[in-house]
Structures are given as C-alpha cells and as structure tokens.
Amino acid sequence: MNDDCVHDPVNRVCYVFEARGEDLVVHVRIDPGGALPPHLHPVMEERWSVVEGEVRFRVNGHERVLRAADGDVVVRPGVVHGLSSAGDGEARLRCLVTPAMRLQEFLEESAAAAREGMFTARGLPRGLRGARWSARFLKRYRSETVFVSPPPLFQTLLIALLAREGKEPR
C-alpha cells in the first residue's frame, strides 16, 4: 500500500481509505496470520473483494477461502462476519462500505489503540486502562459496529462499569 496506510499491529492489518460521497472504500492489507474478528454492522453493508492472495471469510457461520477470481462477498446489515489470512503471503482486499457512517474513525481509533499497547496480542484489553478505553470505544460505536466477543451481556456490563467519562488511569 502507500504511506497513508493506517497500521493495526494487533490484528496485523493495514488500511487506506477512499471516500465516495456517503460511502467509503477501504483498501485492506492483511499480513500472514492477520485477521478481523467476528462482528456485525447494524446499518452498514459491506462488499468485499479479494485483490491478491487468499482470505478465509466467515459469514453468518459459513466459512470459505476466497481468491481474486471468486468475486465479491456481500455482507448485509446485521450479519456476523470476520476474515483472516489464509495463505503464506499477505492478502489485499477492497471493501465498499454503504453508508460509511464513522467506520473510518472506528478503524483509525482501534489501530491507534493497538499501536499504543492497549491490547494484548490476542486482542484483549491490557489492564484497567485498556478495559476503560475499550468500554468507551464500544459505547461510542455500538450503533455502527458490534463485536461478537465478548458476549453482548458482558459488553453491556463493561460499558456500564467502565465507560464513565473521567480521568483516564495511567
């Protein structure tokens, strides 16, 4: 990709954004071993295409490996999906998001937190500071992106207990 790439070292992905009116094209590079965890978007639709490499898509409980020749994967609002690198080399994808809402901000904030060490290598919050950041983040974006793990009840409790505004613990 280019120098504008937003790198997430925990998920081992890199994003470049291209605004198209109310929509957004996200160019994604996934390093070997990289993945986007299972999640859903209540309102947004995503249209994924593999540009290079191999990617394992999980959509609504079904999994398959895709290459560029396999065409697009459309993920409708409310459908749980995730993806991971399936080959030995990096994979490149393109995702058209309709409407974009605040997806770019969501991905930029998440990547910045990963670079700041807020998460373990498994994507879990690191300490109280990481847990408080995660709770605020989940609360801020819950109308747009919902993670499947931790379970929704735990996320609700996490938000209620830790997402209060105030001084960030150091």
N, C-alpha and C. Protein backbone atom coordinates (compact mmCIF):
# COMPACT_ATOMS: atom_id res chain seq x y z
N MET A 1 0.85 -1.18 0.00
CA MET A 1 0.00 0.00 0.00
C MET A 1 0.89 1.23 0.00
N ASN A 2 0.38 2.33 0.49
CA ASN A 2 1.18 3.53 0.45
C ASN A 2 1.45 4.06 1.85
N ASP A 3 2.07 5.24 1.93
CA ASP A 3 2.44 5.84 3.22
C ASP A 3 1.24 6.25 4.06
N ASP A 4 0.04 6.34 3.46
CA ASP A 4 -1.16 6.72 4.19
C ASP A 4 -1.78 5.54 4.92
N CYS A 5 -1.14 4.41 4.88
CA CYS A 5 -1.67 3.19 5.46
C CYS A 5 -1.77 3.32 6.98
N VAL A 6 -2.95 3.00 7.53
CA VAL A 6 -3.18 3.00 8.97
C VAL A 6 -2.94 1.58 9.46
N HIS A 7 -1.88 1.39 10.23
CA HIS A 7 -1.44 0.05 10.63
C HIS A 7 -2.01 -0.34 11.99
N ASP A 8 -2.55 -1.55 12.07
CA ASP A 8 -3.04 -2.15 13.31
C ASP A 8 -2.16 -3.37 13.59
N PRO A 9 -1.21 -3.24 14.54
CA PRO A 9 -0.27 -4.35 14.79
C PRO A 9 -0.90 -5.54 15.51
N VAL A 10 -2.01 -5.37 16.19
CA VAL A 10 -2.64 -6.48 16.89
C VAL A 10 -3.37 -7.39 15.89
N ASN A 11 -4.19 -6.78 15.03
CA ASN A 11 -4.91 -7.57 14.02
C ASN A 11 -4.05 -7.87 12.80
N ARG A 12 -2.90 -7.22 12.72
CA ARG A 12 -1.94 -7.40 11.62
C ARG A 12 -2.56 -7.04 10.28
N VAL A 13 -3.18 -5.85 10.27
CA VAL A 13 -3.80 -5.32 9.07
C VAL A 13 -3.38 -3.87 8.87
N CYS A 14 -3.59 -3.38 7.65
CA CYS A 14 -3.28 -2.00 7.31
C CYS A 14 -4.41 -1.50 6.40
N TYR A 15 -4.86 -0.26 6.65
CA TYR A 15 -5.99 0.29 5.91
C TYR A 15 -5.62 1.57 5.18
N VAL A 16 -6.17 1.74 3.98
CA VAL A 16 -6.12 3.00 3.25
C VAL A 16 -7.57 3.33 2.89
N PHE A 17 -7.98 4.57 3.13
CA PHE A 17 -9.38 4.96 2.97
C PHE A 17 -9.58 5.85 1.75
N GLU A 18 -10.70 5.64 1.08
CA GLU A 18 -11.06 6.43 -0.10
C GLU A 18 -12.55 6.78 0.02
N ALA A 19 -12.85 8.05 0.34
CA ALA A 19 -14.24 8.48 0.49
C ALA A 19 -14.92 8.56 -0.87
N ARG A 20 -16.19 8.13 -0.90
CA ARG A 20 -17.01 8.21 -2.11
C ARG A 20 -18.40 8.69 -1.70
N GLY A 21 -18.53 9.99 -1.51
CA GLY A 21 -19.79 10.54 -1.03
C GLY A 21 -20.09 10.01 0.36
N GLU A 22 -21.25 9.38 0.54
CA GLU A 22 -21.62 8.80 1.83
C GLU A 22 -21.03 7.40 2.02
N ASP A 23 -20.38 6.89 1.00
CA ASP A 23 -19.78 5.56 1.05
C ASP A 23 -18.27 5.68 1.28
N LEU A 24 -17.66 4.54 1.53
CA LEU A 24 -16.23 4.50 1.78
C LEU A 24 -15.66 3.24 1.16
N VAL A 25 -14.53 3.39 0.47
CA VAL A 25 -13.78 2.22 0.01
C VAL A 25 -12.60 2.07 0.96
N VAL A 26 -12.46 0.88 1.52
CA VAL A 26 -11.33 0.59 2.41
C VAL A 26 -10.45 -0.43 1.69
N HIS A 27 -9.22 -0.04 1.44
CA HIS A 27 -8.23 -0.95 0.87
C HIS A 27 -7.51 -1.57 2.07
N VAL A 28 -7.52 -2.89 2.13
CA VAL A 28 -7.03 -3.61 3.31
C VAL A 28 -5.88 -4.53 2.90
N ARG A 29 -4.81 -4.48 3.68
CA ARG A 29 -3.71 -5.44 3.54
C ARG A 29 -3.69 -6.26 4.82
N ILE A 30 -3.75 -7.56 4.68
CA ILE A 30 -3.69 -8.46 5.83
C ILE A 30 -2.39 -9.24 5.76
N ASP A 31 -1.59 -9.11 6.79
CA ASP A 31 -0.34 -9.86 6.86
C ASP A 31 -0.63 -11.33 7.17
N PRO A 32 0.30 -12.22 6.87
CA PRO A 32 0.11 -13.63 7.26
C PRO A 32 -0.20 -13.71 8.75
N GLY A 33 -1.22 -14.46 9.09
CA GLY A 33 -1.65 -14.57 10.48
C GLY A 33 -2.59 -13.47 10.93
N GLY A 34 -2.86 -12.49 10.09
CA GLY A 34 -3.74 -11.38 10.45
C GLY A 34 -5.20 -11.75 10.31
N ALA A 35 -6.05 -10.98 10.99
CA ALA A 35 -7.48 -11.27 10.96
C ALA A 35 -8.30 -10.08 11.44
N LEU A 36 -9.55 -10.04 11.01
CA LEU A 36 -10.54 -9.12 11.56
C LEU A 36 -11.53 -9.98 12.32
N PRO A 37 -11.71 -9.73 13.63
CA PRO A 37 -12.55 -10.61 14.45
C PRO A 37 -14.02 -10.54 14.07
N PRO A 38 -14.78 -11.57 14.43
CA PRO A 38 -16.21 -11.59 14.12
C PRO A 38 -16.94 -10.37 14.69
N HIS A 39 -17.77 -9.76 13.85
CA HIS A 39 -18.53 -8.57 14.23
C HIS A 39 -19.70 -8.41 13.28
N LEU A 40 -20.53 -7.41 13.56
CA LEU A 40 -21.62 -7.09 12.65
C LEU A 40 -21.81 -5.58 12.62
N HIS A 41 -22.48 -5.13 11.58
CA HIS A 41 -22.82 -3.71 11.44
C HIS A 41 -24.34 -3.62 11.35
N PRO A 42 -25.00 -2.96 12.32
CA PRO A 42 -26.46 -2.89 12.29
C PRO A 42 -27.04 -2.21 11.05
N VAL A 43 -26.31 -1.26 10.45
CA VAL A 43 -26.86 -0.47 9.35
C VAL A 43 -26.04 -0.59 8.06
N MET A 44 -24.75 -0.76 8.18
CA MET A 44 -23.86 -0.75 7.01
C MET A 44 -23.88 -2.06 6.24
N GLU A 45 -23.72 -1.96 4.92
CA GLU A 45 -23.50 -3.11 4.06
C GLU A 45 -22.05 -3.05 3.58
N GLU A 46 -21.40 -4.20 3.52
CA GLU A 46 -20.03 -4.27 3.01
C GLU A 46 -19.99 -5.18 1.79
N ARG A 47 -19.20 -4.77 0.81
CA ARG A 47 -18.97 -5.58 -0.39
C ARG A 47 -17.46 -5.79 -0.48
N TRP A 48 -17.03 -7.00 -0.14
CA TRP A 48 -15.61 -7.34 -0.10
C TRP A 48 -15.18 -8.01 -1.41
N SER A 49 -13.97 -7.67 -1.87
CA SER A 49 -13.37 -8.39 -2.98
C SER A 49 -11.89 -8.60 -2.68
N VAL A 50 -11.43 -9.80 -2.97
CA VAL A 50 -10.01 -10.13 -2.80
C VAL A 50 -9.29 -9.62 -4.04
N VAL A 51 -8.25 -8.84 -3.83
CA VAL A 51 -7.45 -8.31 -4.94
C VAL A 51 -6.24 -9.21 -5.19
N GLU A 52 -5.68 -9.72 -4.10
CA GLU A 52 -4.48 -10.56 -4.20
C GLU A 52 -4.40 -11.45 -2.97
N GLY A 53 -3.93 -12.67 -3.14
CA GLY A 53 -3.76 -13.58 -2.02
C GLY A 53 -5.00 -14.40 -1.73
N GLU A 54 -5.02 -14.98 -0.55
CA GLU A 54 -6.12 -15.84 -0.12
C GLU A 54 -6.63 -15.37 1.24
N VAL A 55 -7.95 -15.36 1.38
CA VAL A 55 -8.57 -14.90 2.62
C VAL A 55 -9.67 -15.89 3.01
N ARG A 56 -9.70 -16.20 4.29
CA ARG A 56 -10.76 -17.07 4.83
C ARG A 56 -11.86 -16.15 5.35
N PHE A 57 -13.04 -16.20 4.71
CA PHE A 57 -14.20 -15.41 5.12
C PHE A 57 -15.12 -16.28 5.96
N ARG A 58 -15.61 -15.71 7.04
CA ARG A 58 -16.66 -16.34 7.84
C ARG A 58 -17.85 -15.40 7.79
N VAL A 59 -18.94 -15.83 7.20
CA VAL A 59 -20.14 -15.02 7.08
C VAL A 59 -21.32 -15.84 7.58
N ASN A 60 -21.94 -15.35 8.66
CA ASN A 60 -23.13 -15.98 9.22
C ASN A 60 -22.92 -17.47 9.50
N GLY A 61 -21.75 -17.81 10.04
CA GLY A 61 -21.45 -19.19 10.41
C GLY A 61 -20.88 -20.06 9.31
N HIS A 62 -20.83 -19.56 8.08
CA HIS A 62 -20.26 -20.33 6.96
C HIS A 62 -18.88 -19.79 6.64
N GLU A 63 -17.96 -20.70 6.38
CA GLU A 63 -16.57 -20.31 6.13
C GLU A 63 -16.11 -20.83 4.77
N ARG A 64 -15.34 -19.97 4.08
CA ARG A 64 -14.73 -20.42 2.82
C ARG A 64 -13.52 -19.56 2.51
N VAL A 65 -12.58 -20.14 1.75
CA VAL A 65 -11.38 -19.43 1.34
C VAL A 65 -11.65 -18.82 -0.03
N LEU A 66 -11.32 -17.54 -0.16
CA LEU A 66 -11.56 -16.82 -1.41
C LEU A 66 -10.27 -16.26 -1.99
N ARG A 67 -10.24 -16.20 -3.32
CA ARG A 67 -9.16 -15.59 -4.08
C ARG A 67 -9.78 -14.54 -4.99
N ALA A 68 -8.98 -13.80 -5.70
CA ALA A 68 -9.48 -12.73 -6.57
C ALA A 68 -10.51 -13.23 -7.58
N ALA A 69 -10.32 -14.40 -8.14
CA ALA A 69 -11.22 -14.93 -9.17
C ALA A 69 -12.60 -15.32 -8.64
N ASP A 70 -12.76 -15.36 -7.31
CA ASP A 70 -14.01 -15.84 -6.73
C ASP A 70 -15.11 -14.78 -6.64
N GLY A 71 -14.81 -13.54 -6.99
CA GLY A 71 -15.84 -12.50 -6.97
C GLY A 71 -16.07 -11.89 -5.60
N ASP A 72 -17.13 -11.11 -5.51
CA ASP A 72 -17.43 -10.35 -4.30
C ASP A 72 -18.15 -11.16 -3.24
N VAL A 73 -17.98 -10.74 -1.99
CA VAL A 73 -18.75 -11.24 -0.87
C VAL A 73 -19.53 -10.05 -0.33
N VAL A 74 -20.85 -10.15 -0.34
CA VAL A 74 -21.70 -9.07 0.16
C VAL A 74 -22.14 -9.44 1.57
N VAL A 75 -21.90 -8.52 2.51
CA VAL A 75 -22.30 -8.72 3.90
C VAL A 75 -23.38 -7.68 4.21
N ARG A 76 -24.58 -8.16 4.37
CA ARG A 76 -25.73 -7.29 4.64
C ARG A 76 -25.72 -6.81 6.10
N PRO A 77 -26.44 -5.73 6.39
CA PRO A 77 -26.52 -5.25 7.78
C PRO A 77 -27.01 -6.36 8.72
N GLY A 78 -26.40 -6.41 9.91
CA GLY A 78 -26.80 -7.37 10.93
C GLY A 78 -26.22 -8.76 10.79
N VAL A 79 -25.42 -9.01 9.76
CA VAL A 79 -24.84 -10.33 9.54
C VAL A 79 -23.44 -10.41 10.17
N VAL A 80 -23.24 -11.43 11.01
CA VAL A 80 -21.94 -11.62 11.65
C VAL A 80 -20.93 -12.08 10.60
N HIS A 81 -19.76 -11.44 10.62
CA HIS A 81 -18.71 -11.80 9.66
C HIS A 81 -17.34 -11.50 10.26
N GLY A 82 -16.33 -12.14 9.71
CA GLY A 82 -14.94 -11.93 10.08
C GLY A 82 -14.09 -12.52 8.98
N LEU A 83 -12.82 -12.22 8.99
CA LEU A 83 -11.95 -12.77 7.97
C LEU A 83 -10.54 -12.90 8.50
N SER A 84 -9.78 -13.75 7.83
CA SER A 84 -8.39 -13.96 8.24
C SER A 84 -7.55 -14.33 7.03
N SER A 85 -6.27 -14.13 7.17
CA SER A 85 -5.33 -14.52 6.13
C SER A 85 -5.37 -16.04 6.00
N ALA A 86 -5.37 -16.53 4.76
CA ALA A 86 -5.43 -17.97 4.55
C ALA A 86 -4.18 -18.52 3.87
N GLY A 87 -3.29 -17.64 3.42
CA GLY A 87 -2.10 -18.10 2.72
C GLY A 87 -0.83 -17.73 3.47
N ASP A 88 0.31 -18.01 2.84
CA ASP A 88 1.60 -17.71 3.44
C ASP A 88 2.03 -16.26 3.21
N GLY A 89 1.45 -15.62 2.21
CA GLY A 89 1.80 -14.24 1.91
C GLY A 89 0.71 -13.29 2.36
N GLU A 90 0.98 -11.98 2.18
CA GLU A 90 -0.05 -11.02 2.53
C GLU A 90 -1.21 -11.11 1.55
N ALA A 91 -2.37 -10.69 2.01
CA ALA A 91 -3.56 -10.63 1.17
C ALA A 91 -3.99 -9.17 1.06
N ARG A 92 -4.52 -8.82 -0.09
CA ARG A 92 -5.03 -7.46 -0.31
C ARG A 92 -6.50 -7.56 -0.70
N LEU A 93 -7.29 -6.70 -0.07
CA LEU A 93 -8.73 -6.70 -0.30
C LEU A 93 -9.22 -5.28 -0.51
N ARG A 94 -10.42 -5.21 -1.06
CA ARG A 94 -11.10 -3.93 -1.19
C ARG A 94 -12.50 -4.13 -0.62
N CYS A 95 -12.95 -3.15 0.18
CA CYS A 95 -14.26 -3.24 0.79
C CYS A 95 -15.01 -1.93 0.54
N LEU A 96 -16.17 -2.03 -0.10
CA LEU A 96 -17.05 -0.89 -0.29
C LEU A 96 -18.07 -0.91 0.85
N VAL A 97 -18.12 0.17 1.63
CA VAL A 97 -18.99 0.26 2.79
C VAL A 97 -20.09 1.28 2.49
N THR A 98 -21.36 0.84 2.63
CA THR A 98 -22.51 1.68 2.31
C THR A 98 -23.53 1.64 3.44
N PRO A 99 -23.88 2.74 4.06
CA PRO A 99 -23.17 4.02 4.09
C PRO A 99 -21.97 3.90 5.03
N ALA A 100 -21.00 4.75 4.86
CA ALA A 100 -19.75 4.66 5.62
C ALA A 100 -19.93 4.97 7.10
N MET A 101 -20.84 5.88 7.39
CA MET A 101 -21.04 6.34 8.77
C MET A 101 -19.68 6.75 9.34
N ARG A 102 -19.27 6.18 10.49
CA ARG A 102 -17.99 6.55 11.10
C ARG A 102 -17.00 5.39 11.07
N LEU A 103 -17.09 4.52 10.06
CA LEU A 103 -16.21 3.36 10.01
C LEU A 103 -14.74 3.75 9.95
N GLN A 104 -14.40 4.77 9.18
CA GLN A 104 -13.01 5.18 9.10
C GLN A 104 -12.49 5.59 10.48
N GLU A 105 -13.25 6.39 11.21
CA GLU A 105 -12.84 6.81 12.55
C GLU A 105 -12.70 5.60 13.48
N PHE A 106 -13.65 4.66 13.38
CA PHE A 106 -13.61 3.45 14.18
C PHE A 106 -12.30 2.68 13.95
N LEU A 107 -11.96 2.47 12.68
CA LEU A 107 -10.75 1.71 12.35
C LEU A 107 -9.49 2.47 12.73
N GLU A 108 -9.47 3.79 12.53
CA GLU A 108 -8.30 4.60 12.90
C GLU A 108 -8.08 4.59 14.41
N GLU A 109 -9.15 4.75 15.19
CA GLU A 109 -9.03 4.75 16.66
C GLU A 109 -8.58 3.39 17.18
N SER A 110 -9.16 2.33 16.63
CA SER A 110 -8.80 0.99 17.05
C SER A 110 -7.32 0.70 16.75
N ALA A 111 -6.88 1.07 15.57
CA ALA A 111 -5.48 0.85 15.18
C ALA A 111 -4.54 1.67 16.07
N ALA A 112 -4.91 2.91 16.37
CA ALA A 112 -4.07 3.75 17.24
C ALA A 112 -3.95 3.14 18.63
N ALA A 113 -5.06 2.62 19.16
CA ALA A 113 -5.02 1.98 20.47
C ALA A 113 -4.14 0.74 20.44
N ALA A 114 -4.20 -0.01 19.36
CA ALA A 114 -3.34 -1.20 19.22
C ALA A 114 -1.87 -0.79 19.20
N ARG A 115 -1.55 0.28 18.49
CA ARG A 115 -0.16 0.75 18.43
C ARG A 115 0.31 1.28 19.79
N GLU A 116 -0.61 1.79 20.60
CA GLU A 116 -0.27 2.31 21.93
C GLU A 116 -0.19 1.22 22.99
N GLY A 117 -0.42 -0.03 22.60
CA GLY A 117 -0.30 -1.14 23.54
C GLY A 117 -1.51 -1.35 24.43
N MET A 118 -2.68 -0.89 24.01
CA MET A 118 -3.90 -1.06 24.82
C MET A 118 -4.40 -2.50 24.84
N PHE A 119 -3.91 -3.34 23.90
CA PHE A 119 -4.39 -4.71 23.77
C PHE A 119 -3.23 -5.69 23.82
N THR A 120 -3.55 -6.90 24.26
CA THR A 120 -2.58 -8.00 24.19
C THR A 120 -2.53 -8.48 22.74
N ALA A 121 -1.62 -9.39 22.45
CA ALA A 121 -1.51 -9.95 21.11
C ALA A 121 -2.78 -10.70 20.71
N ARG A 122 -3.57 -11.14 21.69
CA ARG A 122 -4.84 -11.83 21.40
C ARG A 122 -6.00 -10.86 21.26
N GLY A 123 -5.75 -9.55 21.37
CA GLY A 123 -6.79 -8.55 21.20
C GLY A 123 -7.59 -8.24 22.46
N LEU A 124 -7.13 -8.72 23.61
CA LEU A 124 -7.81 -8.44 24.87
C LEU A 124 -7.29 -7.14 25.47
N PRO A 125 -8.14 -6.37 26.16
CA PRO A 125 -7.67 -5.13 26.78
C PRO A 125 -6.55 -5.41 27.77
N ARG A 126 -5.55 -4.53 27.77
CA ARG A 126 -4.40 -4.66 28.67
C ARG A 126 -4.64 -3.80 29.90
N GLY A 127 -4.93 -4.43 31.03
CA GLY A 127 -5.09 -3.72 32.29
C GLY A 127 -6.34 -2.85 32.34
N LEU A 128 -6.45 -2.09 33.43
CA LEU A 128 -7.61 -1.22 33.63
C LEU A 128 -7.68 -0.13 32.57
N ARG A 129 -6.55 0.43 32.21
CA ARG A 129 -6.54 1.48 31.18
C ARG A 129 -7.11 0.96 29.86
N GLY A 130 -6.67 -0.23 29.44
CA GLY A 130 -7.19 -0.83 28.21
C GLY A 130 -8.66 -1.18 28.31
N ALA A 131 -9.09 -1.67 29.48
CA ALA A 131 -10.50 -2.02 29.68
C ALA A 131 -11.38 -0.77 29.63
N ARG A 132 -10.92 0.31 30.26
CA ARG A 132 -11.71 1.57 30.23
C ARG A 132 -11.76 2.12 28.80
N TRP A 133 -10.64 2.09 28.10
CA TRP A 133 -10.64 2.57 26.71
C TRP A 133 -11.61 1.73 25.88
N SER A 134 -11.54 0.41 26.03
CA SER A 134 -12.40 -0.49 25.27
C SER A 134 -13.87 -0.22 25.55
N ALA A 135 -14.23 -0.02 26.81
CA ALA A 135 -15.63 0.25 27.17
C ALA A 135 -16.12 1.53 26.52
N ARG A 136 -15.32 2.57 26.56
CA ARG A 136 -15.71 3.84 25.94
C ARG A 136 -15.83 3.69 24.41
N PHE A 137 -14.91 2.96 23.84
CA PHE A 137 -14.89 2.72 22.40
C PHE A 137 -16.14 1.94 21.98
N LEU A 138 -16.45 0.85 22.68
CA LEU A 138 -17.64 0.04 22.37
C LEU A 138 -18.91 0.88 22.49
N LYS A 139 -18.96 1.72 23.51
CA LYS A 139 -20.13 2.58 23.72
C LYS A 139 -20.28 3.59 22.58
N ARG A 140 -19.19 4.22 22.20
CA ARG A 140 -19.22 5.27 21.18
C ARG A 140 -19.67 4.73 19.81
N TYR A 141 -19.29 3.51 19.48
CA TYR A 141 -19.56 2.97 18.14
C TYR A 141 -20.59 1.84 18.10
N ARG A 142 -21.30 1.57 19.19
CA ARG A 142 -22.18 0.40 19.22
C ARG A 142 -23.36 0.47 18.25
N SER A 143 -23.70 1.64 17.76
CA SER A 143 -24.78 1.70 16.77
C SER A 143 -24.27 1.40 15.36
N GLU A 144 -22.96 1.25 15.22
CA GLU A 144 -22.37 1.01 13.91
C GLU A 144 -21.63 -0.31 13.79
N THR A 145 -20.90 -0.69 14.82
CA THR A 145 -20.12 -1.92 14.79
C THR A 145 -20.25 -2.62 16.13
N VAL A 146 -20.62 -3.90 16.09
CA VAL A 146 -20.83 -4.67 17.31
C VAL A 146 -19.95 -5.92 17.22
N PHE A 147 -19.08 -6.10 18.21
CA PHE A 147 -18.25 -7.31 18.25
C PHE A 147 -19.06 -8.46 18.83
N VAL A 148 -18.78 -9.67 18.38
CA VAL A 148 -19.47 -10.85 18.85
C VAL A 148 -18.86 -11.33 20.17
N SER A 149 -17.59 -11.03 20.38
CA SER A 149 -16.90 -11.43 21.60
C SER A 149 -16.21 -10.20 22.18
N PRO A 150 -16.33 -9.97 23.47
CA PRO A 150 -17.03 -10.77 24.46
C PRO A 150 -18.54 -10.73 24.22
N PRO A 151 -19.28 -11.66 24.85
CA PRO A 151 -20.73 -11.71 24.65
C PRO A 151 -21.41 -10.37 24.96
N PRO A 152 -22.53 -10.09 24.28
CA PRO A 152 -23.20 -8.81 24.45
C PRO A 152 -23.50 -8.42 25.90
N LEU A 153 -23.91 -9.38 26.74
CA LEU A 153 -24.19 -9.06 28.14
C LEU A 153 -22.94 -8.55 28.84
N PHE A 154 -21.80 -9.20 28.58
CA PHE A 154 -20.54 -8.76 29.18
C PHE A 154 -20.16 -7.37 28.66
N GLN A 155 -20.38 -7.12 27.37
CA GLN A 155 -20.09 -5.79 26.82
C GLN A 155 -20.94 -4.73 27.49
N THR A 156 -22.23 -5.02 27.71
CA THR A 156 -23.12 -4.07 28.38
C THR A 156 -22.62 -3.77 29.78
N LEU A 157 -22.22 -4.81 30.52
CA LEU A 157 -21.69 -4.61 31.87
C LEU A 157 -20.38 -3.81 31.83
N LEU A 158 -19.51 -4.14 30.90
CA LEU A 158 -18.24 -3.43 30.75
C LEU A 158 -18.49 -1.94 30.50
N ILE A 159 -19.41 -1.64 29.61
CA ILE A 159 -19.73 -0.25 29.30
C ILE A 159 -20.30 0.45 30.53
N ALA A 160 -21.23 -0.21 31.23
CA ALA A 160 -21.86 0.40 32.40
C ALA A 160 -20.85 0.67 33.51
N LEU A 161 -19.92 -0.25 33.71
CA LEU A 161 -18.95 -0.10 34.80
C LEU A 161 -17.76 0.80 34.46
N LEU A 162 -17.31 0.77 33.21
CA LEU A 162 -16.04 1.40 32.90
C LEU A 162 -16.09 2.55 31.90
N ALA A 163 -17.21 2.79 31.25
CA ALA A 163 -17.25 3.81 30.20
C ALA A 163 -17.59 5.19 30.71
N ARG A 164 -17.67 5.36 32.01
CA ARG A 164 -17.95 6.70 32.55
C ARG A 164 -16.82 7.64 32.15
N GLU A 165 -17.22 8.85 31.84
CA GLU A 165 -16.22 9.85 31.48
C GLU A 165 -15.48 10.27 32.75
N GLY A 166 -14.24 10.58 32.60
CA GLY A 166 -13.41 10.99 33.72
C GLY A 166 -11.97 10.86 33.34
N LYS A 167 -11.12 11.05 34.32
CA LYS A 167 -9.68 10.98 34.05
C LYS A 167 -9.29 9.55 33.74
N GLU A 168 -8.51 9.41 32.72
CA GLU A 168 -8.02 8.10 32.27
C GLU A 168 -6.94 7.62 33.23
N PRO A 169 -7.05 6.39 33.76
CA PRO A 169 -5.98 5.87 34.64
C PRO A 169 -4.71 5.65 33.85
N ARG A 170 -3.59 5.87 34.47
CA ARG A 170 -2.29 5.68 33.82
C ARG A 170 -1.57 4.53 34.41
